[in-house]
Amino acid sequence: MAASSEGLSMSDKAALGVRAFVGVCRWVGVWIGLVGVSSGFLRAEIREVNLDWEPACEGSSIRVTSENGLLVLVEAWAEHFAEARDWICTFKHGVLVSVAYRHFKISRRAKGDSGEFEIERTLDRIETFEAVKGVPQKLPPALKGDFEAVLEKASESLAKPANADLVPDQKELPKSGS
């Protein structure tokens, strides 16, 4: 027997209408929620890139963390024979917020008769700088060049697409018919 609304009272019809409306609202809410969540995942591209910084005895690197093409964190480390330098730069919405600089003295101690030695790093300087409108305040002139070199390399890494190493430069591709 087919269901018919003819035998239902007004309160039963209203209850059916409310149930149908609530059911539709639930599905619409679920759909909107799924679209919102999935678009959030699609928008956020968090990238970490490791770059070479400068020639150094024990190595150097700059690690750049970005989100959606904006800088979030830059960490740079260079270790030479007698010193090491460390920069940590934080950003909010791609604008520099703070900078920390650490300097280490490096010494070597003999570790036996076979010519082996131990490396000892001693932190001898640490400074932090607040940035106003993206510019670090009271940065000593002696550190300015070092800081700018780190920031320049970090910023250049943002211009490269995530798959830059996989995509050849168009200028290097051979021309067809030549």
Protein backbone atom coordinates (compact mmCIF):
# COMPACT_ATOMS: atom_id res chain seq x y z
CA MET A 1 0.00 0.00 0.00
CA ALA A 2 1.48 3.38 -1.01
CA ALA A 3 1.92 5.98 1.64
CA SER A 4 -0.34 8.94 1.22
CA SER A 5 -0.48 12.21 3.09
CA GLU A 6 -4.29 12.32 2.69
CA GLY A 7 -4.91 10.30 5.84
CA LEU A 8 -2.53 12.34 8.00
CA SER A 9 -3.57 15.05 10.37
CA MET A 10 -2.13 18.56 10.13
CA SER A 11 0.27 17.94 13.03
CA ASP A 12 1.55 14.77 11.33
CA LYS A 13 2.06 16.68 8.07
CA ALA A 14 3.90 19.44 9.95
CA ALA A 15 6.09 16.86 11.69
CA LEU A 16 6.97 15.28 8.32
CA GLY A 17 7.75 18.71 6.88
CA VAL A 18 10.02 19.56 9.82
CA ARG A 19 11.82 16.22 9.53
CA ALA A 20 12.39 16.74 5.82
CA PHE A 21 13.64 20.27 6.41
CA VAL A 22 16.02 19.15 9.19
CA GLY A 23 17.31 16.31 6.99
CA VAL A 24 18.04 18.67 4.11
CA CYS A 25 19.74 21.16 6.47
CA ARG A 26 21.96 18.41 7.85
CA TRP A 27 23.11 17.35 4.38
CA VAL A 28 23.71 20.95 3.36
CA GLY A 29 25.69 21.53 6.57
CA VAL A 30 27.78 18.42 5.99
CA TRP A 31 28.45 19.48 2.39
CA ILE A 32 29.44 23.02 3.41
CA GLY A 33 31.67 21.62 6.16
CA LEU A 34 33.43 19.23 3.78
CA VAL A 35 33.97 21.96 1.20
CA GLY A 36 35.35 24.29 3.88
CA VAL A 37 37.71 21.69 5.32
CA SER A 38 38.95 20.52 1.93
CA SER A 39 39.56 24.06 0.72
CA GLY A 40 41.61 24.67 3.86
CA PHE A 41 43.81 21.69 2.99
CA LEU A 42 44.17 22.83 -0.59
CA ARG A 43 45.20 26.36 0.34
CA ALA A 44 47.99 25.61 2.78
CA GLU A 45 51.27 24.72 1.10
CA ILE A 46 53.95 24.38 3.74
CA ARG A 47 57.43 24.07 2.27
CA GLU A 48 60.86 23.49 3.76
CA VAL A 49 63.91 24.18 1.61
CA ASN A 50 67.56 23.65 2.55
CA LEU A 51 70.01 26.01 0.84
CA ASP A 52 73.77 26.36 0.77
CA TRP A 53 74.93 29.54 2.46
CA GLU A 54 78.66 30.13 2.23
CA PRO A 55 81.90 28.13 2.02
CA ALA A 56 82.71 26.89 5.53
CA CYS A 57 85.08 24.23 6.90
CA GLU A 58 82.39 22.33 8.75
CA GLY A 59 79.53 23.33 6.45
CA SER A 60 76.77 25.88 6.29
CA SER A 61 73.10 25.87 5.43
CA ILE A 62 69.94 27.92 5.45
CA ARG A 63 66.64 26.19 6.15
CA VAL A 64 63.64 28.16 4.88
CA THR A 65 60.12 27.32 6.03
CA SER A 66 57.29 28.99 4.14
CA GLU A 67 53.53 28.71 3.99
CA ASN A 68 51.62 29.69 0.86
CA GLY A 69 54.70 31.45 -0.49
CA LEU A 70 55.28 33.55 2.64
CA LEU A 71 58.28 33.20 4.93
CA VAL A 72 57.55 31.68 8.35
CA LEU A 73 60.98 30.68 9.69
CA VAL A 74 64.58 31.05 8.49
CA GLU A 75 67.38 29.18 10.28
CA ALA A 76 70.97 29.67 9.14
CA TRP A 77 74.13 27.98 10.44
CA ALA A 78 77.76 28.33 9.35
CA GLU A 79 80.67 26.63 11.09
CA HIS A 80 84.22 27.69 10.28
CA PHE A 81 87.53 26.59 11.82
CA ALA A 82 87.46 29.01 14.78
CA GLU A 83 83.87 30.28 14.89
CA ALA A 84 80.25 29.41 14.17
CA ARG A 85 77.29 31.69 13.50
CA ASP A 86 73.60 30.97 13.88
CA TRP A 87 70.60 33.08 12.78
CA ILE A 88 66.95 32.39 13.59
CA CYS A 89 64.41 34.70 11.94
CA THR A 90 60.65 34.47 12.58
CA PHE A 91 57.91 35.91 10.40
CA LYS A 92 54.17 36.49 10.69
CA HIS A 93 52.20 36.75 7.44
CA GLY A 94 55.56 36.98 5.63
CA VAL A 95 56.74 40.01 7.63
CA LEU A 96 59.84 39.75 9.83
CA VAL A 97 58.95 39.76 13.54
CA SER A 98 62.17 38.86 15.36
CA VAL A 99 65.77 37.87 14.81
CA ALA A 100 68.10 35.91 17.09
CA TYR A 101 71.86 35.75 16.50
CA ARG A 102 74.29 33.42 18.25
CA HIS A 103 78.06 33.29 17.92
CA PHE A 104 80.23 30.38 19.05
CA LYS A 105 83.99 30.11 19.56
CA ILE A 106 85.37 26.80 18.40
CA SER A 107 88.39 25.15 19.95
CA ARG A 108 90.03 21.81 19.38
CA ARG A 109 91.59 19.58 22.01
CA ALA A 110 93.81 16.61 21.40
CA LYS A 111 92.06 13.32 22.05
CA GLY A 112 95.00 10.99 22.31
CA ASP A 113 98.27 10.35 20.52
CA SER A 114 96.84 9.43 17.11
CA GLY A 115 96.18 13.03 16.04
CA GLU A 116 92.46 12.90 16.80
CA PHE A 117 90.82 15.88 18.42
CA GLU A 118 87.54 16.94 19.97
CA ILE A 119 85.69 20.05 18.84
CA GLU A 120 84.32 22.24 21.59
CA ARG A 121 81.78 24.97 20.82
CA THR A 122 81.39 27.75 23.37
CA LEU A 123 78.51 30.20 23.04
CA ASP A 124 80.06 33.62 23.55
CA ARG A 125 77.41 35.96 22.16
CA ILE A 126 73.65 35.95 21.80
CA GLU A 127 71.49 38.84 20.71
CA THR A 128 67.84 39.23 19.83
CA PHE A 129 66.32 41.96 17.74
CA GLU A 130 62.68 42.93 17.47
CA ALA A 131 61.54 43.90 13.99
CA VAL A 132 59.25 46.87 13.42
CA LYS A 133 57.42 46.78 10.08
CA GLY A 134 59.78 43.99 8.98
CA VAL A 135 63.00 45.84 9.86
CA PRO A 136 65.17 44.60 12.77
CA GLN A 137 65.87 47.37 15.25
CA LYS A 138 69.35 48.11 16.64
CA LEU A 139 71.09 45.53 14.43
CA PRO A 140 74.84 46.31 14.72
CA PRO A 141 76.50 47.32 11.42
CA ALA A 142 78.98 44.43 11.84
CA LEU A 143 76.07 41.93 11.64
CA LYS A 144 73.98 43.70 9.02
CA GLY A 145 75.74 42.24 5.95
CA ASP A 146 75.55 38.69 7.32
CA PHE A 147 71.84 39.08 8.15
CA GLU A 148 71.03 40.57 4.74
CA ALA A 149 72.83 37.73 2.93
CA VAL A 150 70.77 35.14 4.82
CA LEU A 151 67.50 36.97 4.19
CA GLU A 152 68.29 37.49 0.50
CA LYS A 153 68.94 33.78 -0.10
CA ALA A 154 65.80 32.85 1.85
CA SER A 155 63.67 35.29 -0.15
CA GLU A 156 65.10 34.05 -3.46
CA SER A 157 64.03 30.51 -2.58
CA LEU A 158 60.39 31.65 -2.49
CA ALA A 159 60.49 32.62 -6.15
CA LYS A 160 61.21 29.04 -7.22
CA PRO A 161 58.26 26.67 -7.69
CA ALA A 162 58.12 23.63 -5.40
CA ASN A 163 59.24 21.40 -8.29
CA ALA A 164 61.93 23.78 -9.64
CA ASP A 165 64.57 21.05 -9.64
CA LEU A 166 62.36 18.82 -11.79
CA VAL A 167 61.32 21.38 -14.39
CA PRO A 168 64.08 22.35 -16.86
CA ASP A 169 64.58 26.00 -17.75
CA GLN A 170 62.68 26.71 -20.97
CA LYS A 171 65.76 28.46 -22.44
CA GLU A 172 67.75 25.24 -22.19
CA LEU A 173 65.28 23.10 -24.15
CA PRO A 174 66.39 22.34 -27.72
CA LYS A 175 64.33 24.00 -30.43
CA SER A 176 62.36 21.64 -32.63
CA GLY A 177 63.67 21.24 -36.18
CA SER A 178 67.24 22.36 -35.42
